[in-house]
Amino acid sequence: DTDRALVLLEEYCKKLRKPEEQQLKKAIRKVMGIFKSSLFQALLGSFAEKATRHGTISHPSLPAAVAYDVLGCPKD
């Protein structure tokens, strides 16, 4: 799901061309950097493991959910 979130964010960044959109583009790129970081991946793995153990979630969907919320995409 992290990879899917990164793809969505990258596609959205490509659409941001206006000068007033550059601050948003910069912020999205920071989020993408966080998603790619080893610390985030480790925390996500720990979260997914605990949530799966407790029956909260069946797969690690947090990054995609964040991207969908940021981009206003429908959650298929």
N, C-alpha and C. Protein backbone atom coordinates (compact mmCIF):
# COMPACT_ATOMS: atom_id res chain seq x y z
N ASP A 1 0.80 -1.20 0.00
CA ASP A 1 0.00 0.00 0.00
C ASP A 1 0.85 1.27 0.00
N THR A 2 2.03 1.20 0.59
CA THR A 2 2.92 2.36 0.56
C THR A 2 3.28 2.70 -0.88
N ASP A 3 3.57 1.68 -1.67
CA ASP A 3 3.91 1.92 -3.07
C ASP A 3 2.74 2.56 -3.81
N ARG A 4 1.54 2.10 -3.54
CA ARG A 4 0.35 2.66 -4.19
C ARG A 4 0.16 4.12 -3.77
N ALA A 5 0.40 4.42 -2.50
CA ALA A 5 0.28 5.79 -2.02
C ALA A 5 1.32 6.69 -2.70
N LEU A 6 2.53 6.18 -2.84
CA LEU A 6 3.58 6.96 -3.50
C LEU A 6 3.24 7.23 -4.96
N VAL A 7 2.68 6.26 -5.64
CA VAL A 7 2.27 6.45 -7.04
C VAL A 7 1.20 7.53 -7.13
N LEU A 8 0.21 7.46 -6.25
CA LEU A 8 -0.87 8.46 -6.25
C LEU A 8 -0.33 9.86 -5.98
N LEU A 9 0.55 9.96 -5.00
CA LEU A 9 1.12 11.26 -4.67
C LEU A 9 1.98 11.80 -5.81
N GLU A 10 2.75 10.93 -6.45
CA GLU A 10 3.59 11.36 -7.57
C GLU A 10 2.73 11.85 -8.74
N GLU A 11 1.66 11.13 -9.02
CA GLU A 11 0.75 11.54 -10.10
C GLU A 11 0.14 12.90 -9.79
N TYR A 12 -0.23 13.11 -8.55
CA TYR A 12 -0.82 14.38 -8.15
C TYR A 12 0.21 15.51 -8.27
N CYS A 13 1.45 15.24 -7.85
CA CYS A 13 2.51 16.26 -7.93
C CYS A 13 2.74 16.70 -9.37
N LYS A 14 2.64 15.79 -10.30
CA LYS A 14 2.86 16.12 -11.71
C LYS A 14 1.82 17.13 -12.21
N LYS A 15 0.66 17.17 -11.58
CA LYS A 15 -0.41 18.08 -11.99
C LYS A 15 -0.25 19.47 -11.38
N LEU A 16 0.63 19.59 -10.40
CA LEU A 16 0.81 20.87 -9.71
C LEU A 16 1.87 21.69 -10.44
N ARG A 17 1.42 22.61 -11.27
CA ARG A 17 2.35 23.40 -12.10
C ARG A 17 2.27 24.90 -11.81
N LYS A 18 1.17 25.34 -11.28
CA LYS A 18 1.00 26.77 -11.04
C LYS A 18 1.91 27.24 -9.90
N PRO A 19 2.35 28.49 -9.96
CA PRO A 19 3.22 29.00 -8.89
C PRO A 19 2.59 28.88 -7.50
N GLU A 20 1.31 29.11 -7.40
CA GLU A 20 0.65 29.03 -6.09
C GLU A 20 0.52 27.60 -5.58
N GLU A 21 0.79 26.61 -6.42
CA GLU A 21 0.69 25.21 -6.02
C GLU A 21 2.03 24.62 -5.59
N GLN A 22 3.09 25.40 -5.71
CA GLN A 22 4.44 24.88 -5.45
C GLN A 22 4.67 24.57 -3.97
N GLN A 23 4.03 25.31 -3.09
CA GLN A 23 4.17 25.03 -1.66
C GLN A 23 3.52 23.69 -1.34
N LEU A 24 2.36 23.43 -1.91
CA LEU A 24 1.69 22.14 -1.73
C LEU A 24 2.53 21.02 -2.30
N LYS A 25 3.10 21.25 -3.47
CA LYS A 25 3.95 20.24 -4.11
C LYS A 25 5.14 19.90 -3.22
N LYS A 26 5.74 20.92 -2.63
CA LYS A 26 6.88 20.72 -1.74
C LYS A 26 6.47 19.90 -0.51
N ALA A 27 5.31 20.19 0.04
CA ALA A 27 4.81 19.46 1.21
C ALA A 27 4.53 17.99 0.85
N ILE A 28 3.95 17.77 -0.31
CA ILE A 28 3.66 16.40 -0.74
C ILE A 28 4.97 15.63 -0.94
N ARG A 29 5.96 16.29 -1.50
CA ARG A 29 7.27 15.63 -1.69
C ARG A 29 7.89 15.25 -0.33
N LYS A 30 7.68 16.09 0.68
CA LYS A 30 8.16 15.75 2.03
C LYS A 30 7.46 14.50 2.55
N VAL A 31 6.15 14.43 2.35
CA VAL A 31 5.38 13.25 2.77
C VAL A 31 5.89 12.01 2.05
N MET A 32 6.16 12.16 0.76
CA MET A 32 6.68 11.04 -0.01
C MET A 32 8.03 10.57 0.54
N GLY A 33 8.86 11.51 0.92
CA GLY A 33 10.15 11.17 1.52
C GLY A 33 9.98 10.42 2.83
N ILE A 34 9.00 10.82 3.61
CA ILE A 34 8.71 10.13 4.87
C ILE A 34 8.25 8.71 4.59
N PHE A 35 7.34 8.56 3.62
CA PHE A 35 6.84 7.22 3.27
C PHE A 35 7.98 6.30 2.83
N LYS A 36 9.00 6.87 2.18
CA LYS A 36 10.12 6.08 1.68
C LYS A 36 11.16 5.78 2.75
N SER A 37 11.11 6.49 3.87
CA SER A 37 12.14 6.34 4.90
C SER A 37 12.08 4.97 5.58
N SER A 38 13.23 4.50 5.98
CA SER A 38 13.30 3.21 6.67
C SER A 38 12.61 3.28 8.03
N LEU A 39 12.66 4.43 8.69
CA LEU A 39 11.98 4.57 9.98
C LEU A 39 10.48 4.42 9.82
N PHE A 40 9.90 5.09 8.81
CA PHE A 40 8.46 4.97 8.58
C PHE A 40 8.09 3.53 8.25
N GLN A 41 8.88 2.89 7.40
CA GLN A 41 8.60 1.50 7.03
C GLN A 41 8.64 0.59 8.25
N ALA A 42 9.60 0.82 9.15
CA ALA A 42 9.69 0.02 10.37
C ALA A 42 8.48 0.26 11.28
N LEU A 43 8.11 1.53 11.43
CA LEU A 43 6.94 1.84 12.27
C LEU A 43 5.66 1.26 11.67
N LEU A 44 5.54 1.36 10.37
CA LEU A 44 4.37 0.82 9.69
C LEU A 44 4.29 -0.70 9.86
N GLY A 45 5.43 -1.35 9.73
CA GLY A 45 5.47 -2.80 9.92
C GLY A 45 5.07 -3.18 11.33
N SER A 46 5.54 -2.43 12.30
CA SER A 46 5.19 -2.69 13.69
C SER A 46 3.70 -2.46 13.93
N PHE A 47 3.17 -1.36 13.38
CA PHE A 47 1.75 -1.06 13.51
C PHE A 47 0.91 -2.16 12.87
N ALA A 48 1.29 -2.58 11.67
CA ALA A 48 0.52 -3.60 10.96
C ALA A 48 0.56 -4.93 11.71
N GLU A 49 1.72 -5.25 12.25
CA GLU A 49 1.86 -6.50 13.00
C GLU A 49 0.95 -6.50 14.23
N LYS A 50 0.97 -5.40 14.99
CA LYS A 50 0.15 -5.31 16.19
C LYS A 50 -1.34 -5.29 15.84
N ALA A 51 -1.70 -4.54 14.81
CA ALA A 51 -3.10 -4.45 14.41
C ALA A 51 -3.62 -5.80 13.90
N THR A 52 -2.79 -6.50 13.16
CA THR A 52 -3.19 -7.81 12.66
C THR A 52 -3.37 -8.78 13.82
N ARG A 53 -2.45 -8.73 14.78
CA ARG A 53 -2.54 -9.59 15.96
C ARG A 53 -3.82 -9.35 16.74
N HIS A 54 -4.24 -8.09 16.80
CA HIS A 54 -5.44 -7.73 17.56
C HIS A 54 -6.70 -7.78 16.70
N GLY A 55 -6.53 -8.13 15.42
CA GLY A 55 -7.69 -8.22 14.53
C GLY A 55 -8.23 -6.89 14.07
N THR A 56 -7.45 -5.82 14.24
CA THR A 56 -7.91 -4.49 13.85
C THR A 56 -7.91 -4.31 12.34
N ILE A 57 -6.84 -4.75 11.68
CA ILE A 57 -6.76 -4.68 10.23
C ILE A 57 -6.19 -5.99 9.70
N SER A 58 -6.46 -6.28 8.45
CA SER A 58 -5.93 -7.50 7.86
C SER A 58 -4.70 -7.23 7.01
N HIS A 59 -4.41 -5.97 6.69
CA HIS A 59 -3.23 -5.61 5.91
C HIS A 59 -2.85 -4.17 6.19
N PRO A 60 -1.57 -3.80 5.96
CA PRO A 60 -1.12 -2.44 6.26
C PRO A 60 -1.62 -1.44 5.21
N SER A 61 -2.72 -0.78 5.48
CA SER A 61 -3.31 0.14 4.49
C SER A 61 -3.17 1.60 4.87
N LEU A 62 -2.45 1.92 5.89
CA LEU A 62 -2.34 3.29 6.36
C LEU A 62 -1.79 4.27 5.31
N PRO A 63 -0.68 4.00 4.63
CA PRO A 63 -0.17 4.99 3.67
C PRO A 63 -1.15 5.30 2.54
N ALA A 64 -1.79 4.28 2.00
CA ALA A 64 -2.76 4.52 0.93
C ALA A 64 -3.93 5.33 1.45
N ALA A 65 -4.38 5.03 2.66
CA ALA A 65 -5.50 5.78 3.23
C ALA A 65 -5.15 7.25 3.38
N VAL A 66 -3.93 7.53 3.82
CA VAL A 66 -3.49 8.92 3.96
C VAL A 66 -3.46 9.60 2.59
N ALA A 67 -2.91 8.92 1.60
CA ALA A 67 -2.83 9.50 0.26
C ALA A 67 -4.22 9.75 -0.30
N TYR A 68 -5.13 8.80 -0.13
CA TYR A 68 -6.50 8.98 -0.61
C TYR A 68 -7.16 10.18 0.06
N ASP A 69 -6.94 10.32 1.36
CA ASP A 69 -7.54 11.45 2.07
C ASP A 69 -6.96 12.78 1.59
N VAL A 70 -5.64 12.83 1.40
CA VAL A 70 -4.98 14.06 0.96
C VAL A 70 -5.47 14.44 -0.43
N LEU A 71 -5.59 13.44 -1.31
CA LEU A 71 -5.93 13.70 -2.69
C LEU A 71 -7.44 13.74 -2.95
N GLY A 72 -8.23 13.34 -1.96
CA GLY A 72 -9.66 13.31 -2.14
C GLY A 72 -10.12 12.24 -3.11
N CYS A 73 -9.36 11.15 -3.18
CA CYS A 73 -9.70 10.06 -4.11
C CYS A 73 -10.70 9.13 -3.44
N PRO A 74 -11.55 8.49 -4.28
CA PRO A 74 -12.45 7.47 -3.72
C PRO A 74 -11.65 6.26 -3.29
N LYS A 75 -12.07 5.64 -2.21
CA LYS A 75 -11.39 4.45 -1.69
C LYS A 75 -12.05 3.22 -2.26
N ASP A 76 -11.48 2.66 -3.32
CA ASP A 76 -12.05 1.47 -3.99
C ASP A 76 -11.86 0.25 -3.16
